[in-house]
Amino acid sequence: MGIKTGIDILKLIELSRNLQDMLGNEGDSYILKAGRTKDLFK
């Protein structure tokens, strides 16, 4: 969409995955499981 939010989504995904590993709990986030839609169509 091209909307600038100032949030680095790649860093947020990486942080979330690291947090899941640290807690030993897999969440329900489809983005963490599959990645970004943009990455699926490289």
PDB file of N, CA and C in Angstrom:
ATOM      1  N   MET A   1       0.818  -1.196   0.000  1.00  0.00           N
ATOM      2  CA  MET A   1       0.000   0.000   0.000  1.00  0.00           C
ATOM      3  C   MET A   1       0.857   1.253   0.000  1.00  0.00           C
ATOM      4  N   GLY A   2       2.100   1.108   0.421  1.00  0.00           N
ATOM      5  CA  GLY A   2       2.998   2.251   0.399  1.00  0.00           C
ATOM      6  C   GLY A   2       2.779   3.256   1.521  1.00  0.00           C
ATOM      7  N   ILE A   3       2.110   2.850   2.586  1.00  0.00           N
ATOM      8  CA  ILE A   3       1.877   3.751   3.710  1.00  0.00           C
ATOM      9  C   ILE A   3       3.065   3.653   4.656  1.00  0.00           C
ATOM     10  N   LYS A   4       3.702   4.783   4.923  1.00  0.00           N
ATOM     11  CA  LYS A   4       4.874   4.799   5.802  1.00  0.00           C
ATOM     12  C   LYS A   4       4.419   4.932   7.249  1.00  0.00           C
ATOM     13  N   THR A   5       4.835   3.957   8.067  1.00  0.00           N
ATOM     14  CA  THR A   5       4.459   3.958   9.479  1.00  0.00           C
ATOM     15  C   THR A   5       5.654   4.172  10.388  1.00  0.00           C
ATOM     16  N   GLY A   6       6.855   4.014   9.839  1.00  0.00           N
ATOM     17  CA  GLY A   6       8.055   4.118  10.652  1.00  0.00           C
ATOM     18  C   GLY A   6       8.387   2.816  11.374  1.00  0.00           C
ATOM     19  N   ILE A   7       7.600   1.777  11.138  1.00  0.00           N
ATOM     20  CA  ILE A   7       7.824   0.480  11.764  1.00  0.00           C
ATOM     21  C   ILE A   7       8.574  -0.412  10.786  1.00  0.00           C
ATOM     22  N   ASP A   8       9.654  -1.007  11.236  1.00  0.00           N
ATOM     23  CA  ASP A   8      10.425  -1.938  10.409  1.00  0.00           C
ATOM     24  C   ASP A   8       9.824  -3.331  10.604  1.00  0.00           C
ATOM     25  N   ILE A   9       8.981  -3.754   9.677  1.00  0.00           N
ATOM     26  CA  ILE A   9       8.241  -5.010   9.821  1.00  0.00           C
ATOM     27  C   ILE A   9       9.170  -6.216   9.874  1.00  0.00           C
ATOM     28  N   LEU A  10      10.275  -6.182   9.145  1.00  0.00           N
ATOM     29  CA  LEU A  10      11.211  -7.309   9.178  1.00  0.00           C
ATOM     30  C   LEU A  10      11.836  -7.471  10.559  1.00  0.00           C
ATOM     31  N   LYS A  11      12.196  -6.357  11.185  1.00  0.00           N
ATOM     32  CA  LYS A  11      12.759  -6.423  12.536  1.00  0.00           C
ATOM     33  C   LYS A  11      11.702  -6.871  13.539  1.00  0.00           C
ATOM     34  N   LEU A  12      10.469  -6.446  13.344  1.00  0.00           N
ATOM     35  CA  LEU A  12       9.381  -6.846  14.232  1.00  0.00           C
ATOM     36  C   LEU A  12       9.108  -8.347  14.125  1.00  0.00           C
ATOM     37  N   ILE A  13       9.139  -8.879  12.912  1.00  0.00           N
ATOM     38  CA  ILE A  13       8.951 -10.321  12.712  1.00  0.00           C
ATOM     39  C   ILE A  13      10.098 -11.093  13.363  1.00  0.00           C
ATOM     40  N   GLU A  14      11.328 -10.627  13.159  1.00  0.00           N
ATOM     41  CA  GLU A  14      12.490 -11.286  13.758  1.00  0.00           C
ATOM     42  C   GLU A  14      12.400 -11.263  15.285  1.00  0.00           C
ATOM     43  N   LEU A  15      12.034 -10.123  15.843  1.00  0.00           N
ATOM     44  CA  LEU A  15      11.880 -10.002  17.292  1.00  0.00           C
ATOM     45  C   LEU A  15      10.816 -10.968  17.807  1.00  0.00           C
ATOM     46  N   SER A  16       9.706 -11.049  17.105  1.00  0.00           N
ATOM     47  CA  SER A  16       8.613 -11.931  17.519  1.00  0.00           C
ATOM     48  C   SER A  16       9.026 -13.394  17.480  1.00  0.00           C
ATOM     49  N   ARG A  17       9.761 -13.781  16.450  1.00  0.00           N
ATOM     50  CA  ARG A  17      10.242 -15.167  16.358  1.00  0.00           C
ATOM     51  C   ARG A  17      11.225 -15.482  17.485  1.00  0.00           C
ATOM     52  N   ASN A  18      12.112 -14.540  17.769  1.00  0.00           N
ATOM     53  CA  ASN A  18      13.069 -14.736  18.864  1.00  0.00           C
ATOM     54  C   ASN A  18      12.343 -14.850  20.196  1.00  0.00           C
ATOM     55  N   LEU A  19      11.322 -14.048  20.390  1.00  0.00           N
ATOM     56  CA  LEU A  19      10.549 -14.091  21.626  1.00  0.00           C
ATOM     57  C   LEU A  19       9.828 -15.427  21.773  1.00  0.00           C
ATOM     58  N   GLN A  20       9.285 -15.929  20.681  1.00  0.00           N
ATOM     59  CA  GLN A  20       8.642 -17.245  20.716  1.00  0.00           C
ATOM     60  C   GLN A  20       9.642 -18.320  21.128  1.00  0.00           C
ATOM     61  N   ASP A  21      10.847 -18.255  20.573  1.00  0.00           N
ATOM     62  CA  ASP A  21      11.891 -19.228  20.917  1.00  0.00           C
ATOM     63  C   ASP A  21      12.270 -19.133  22.393  1.00  0.00           C
ATOM     64  N   MET A  22      12.399 -17.910  22.887  1.00  0.00           N
ATOM     65  CA  MET A  22      12.783 -17.713  24.283  1.00  0.00           C
ATOM     66  C   MET A  22      11.714 -18.236  25.235  1.00  0.00           C
ATOM     67  N   LEU A  23      10.451 -18.013  24.883  1.00  0.00           N
ATOM     68  CA  LEU A  23       9.349 -18.422  25.751  1.00  0.00           C
ATOM     69  C   LEU A  23       8.964 -19.885  25.553  1.00  0.00           C
ATOM     70  N   GLY A  24       9.411 -20.460  24.432  1.00  0.00           N
ATOM     71  CA  GLY A  24       9.054 -21.842  24.136  1.00  0.00           C
ATOM     72  C   GLY A  24       7.580 -21.999  23.817  1.00  0.00           C
ATOM     73  N   ASN A  25       7.005 -20.954  23.243  1.00  0.00           N
ATOM     74  CA  ASN A  25       5.577 -20.955  22.945  1.00  0.00           C
ATOM     75  C   ASN A  25       5.359 -20.481  21.513  1.00  0.00           C
ATOM     76  N   GLU A  26       4.753 -21.322  20.701  1.00  0.00           N
ATOM     77  CA  GLU A  26       4.470 -20.934  19.323  1.00  0.00           C
ATOM     78  C   GLU A  26       3.118 -20.241  19.275  1.00  0.00           C
ATOM     79  N   GLY A  27       3.098 -19.043  18.751  1.00  0.00           N
ATOM     80  CA  GLY A  27       1.859 -18.275  18.672  1.00  0.00           C
ATOM     81  C   GLY A  27       1.012 -18.679  17.483  1.00  0.00           C
ATOM     82  N   ASP A  28      -0.059 -17.936  17.270  1.00  0.00           N
ATOM     83  CA  ASP A  28      -0.998 -18.224  16.189  1.00  0.00           C
ATOM     84  C   ASP A  28      -0.807 -17.316  14.979  1.00  0.00           C
ATOM     85  N   SER A  29       0.271 -16.548  14.944  1.00  0.00           N
ATOM     86  CA  SER A  29       0.466 -15.571  13.889  1.00  0.00           C
ATOM     87  C   SER A  29       0.805 -16.236  12.555  1.00  0.00           C
ATOM     88  N   TYR A  30      -0.022 -15.985  11.548  1.00  0.00           N
ATOM     89  CA  TYR A  30       0.242 -16.522  10.214  1.00  0.00           C
ATOM     90  C   TYR A  30       1.467 -15.865   9.591  1.00  0.00           C
ATOM     91  N   ILE A  31       1.717 -14.608   9.921  1.00  0.00           N
ATOM     92  CA  ILE A  31       2.892 -13.923   9.378  1.00  0.00           C
ATOM     93  C   ILE A  31       4.168 -14.572   9.899  1.00  0.00           C
ATOM     94  N   LEU A  32       4.183 -14.961  11.171  1.00  0.00           N
ATOM     95  CA  LEU A  32       5.376 -15.611  11.717  1.00  0.00           C
ATOM     96  C   LEU A  32       5.552 -17.008  11.146  1.00  0.00           C
ATOM     97  N   LYS A  33       4.465 -17.666  10.810  1.00  0.00           N
ATOM     98  CA  LYS A  33       4.552 -19.020  10.259  1.00  0.00           C
ATOM     99  C   LYS A  33       4.924 -19.004   8.782  1.00  0.00           C
ATOM    100  N   ALA A  34       4.322 -18.108   8.020  1.00  0.00           N
ATOM    101  CA  ALA A  34       4.492 -18.121   6.567  1.00  0.00           C
ATOM    102  C   ALA A  34       5.390 -17.012   6.041  1.00  0.00           C
ATOM    103  N   GLY A  35       5.541 -15.941   6.782  1.00  0.00           N
ATOM    104  CA  GLY A  35       6.290 -14.791   6.298  1.00  0.00           C
ATOM    105  C   GLY A  35       5.365 -13.795   5.614  1.00  0.00           C
ATOM    106  N   ARG A  36       5.962 -12.761   5.086  1.00  0.00           N
ATOM    107  CA  ARG A  36       5.174 -11.724   4.414  1.00  0.00           C
ATOM    108  C   ARG A  36       4.715 -12.217   3.043  1.00  0.00           C
ATOM    109  N   THR A  37       3.581 -11.757   2.609  1.00  0.00           N
ATOM    110  CA  THR A  37       3.066 -12.105   1.282  1.00  0.00           C
ATOM    111  C   THR A  37       4.074 -11.714   0.213  1.00  0.00           C
ATOM    112  N   LYS A  38       4.693 -10.569   0.383  1.00  0.00           N
ATOM    113  CA  LYS A  38       5.686 -10.069  -0.574  1.00  0.00           C
ATOM    114  C   LYS A  38       6.831 -11.066  -0.751  1.00  0.00           C
ATOM    115  N   ASP A  39       7.211 -11.758   0.324  1.00  0.00           N
ATOM    116  CA  ASP A  39       8.315 -12.715   0.264  1.00  0.00           C
ATOM    117  C   ASP A  39       7.932 -14.003  -0.457  1.00  0.00           C
ATOM    118  N   LEU A  40       6.651 -14.299  -0.540  1.00  0.00           N
ATOM    119  CA  LEU A  40       6.198 -15.519  -1.195  1.00  0.00           C
ATOM    120  C   LEU A  40       6.316 -15.437  -2.713  1.00  0.00           C
ATOM    121  N   PHE A  41       6.346 -14.221  -3.251  1.00  0.00           N
ATOM    122  CA  PHE A  41       6.329 -14.028  -4.701  1.00  0.00           C
ATOM    123  C   PHE A  41       7.583 -13.319  -5.190  1.00  0.00           C
ATOM    124  N   LYS A  42       8.742 -13.772  -4.743  1.00  0.00           N
ATOM    125  CA  LYS A  42      10.005 -13.158  -5.195  1.00  0.00           C
ATOM    126  C   LYS A  42      10.371 -13.639  -6.565  1.00  0.00           C
TER     127      LYS A  42
END
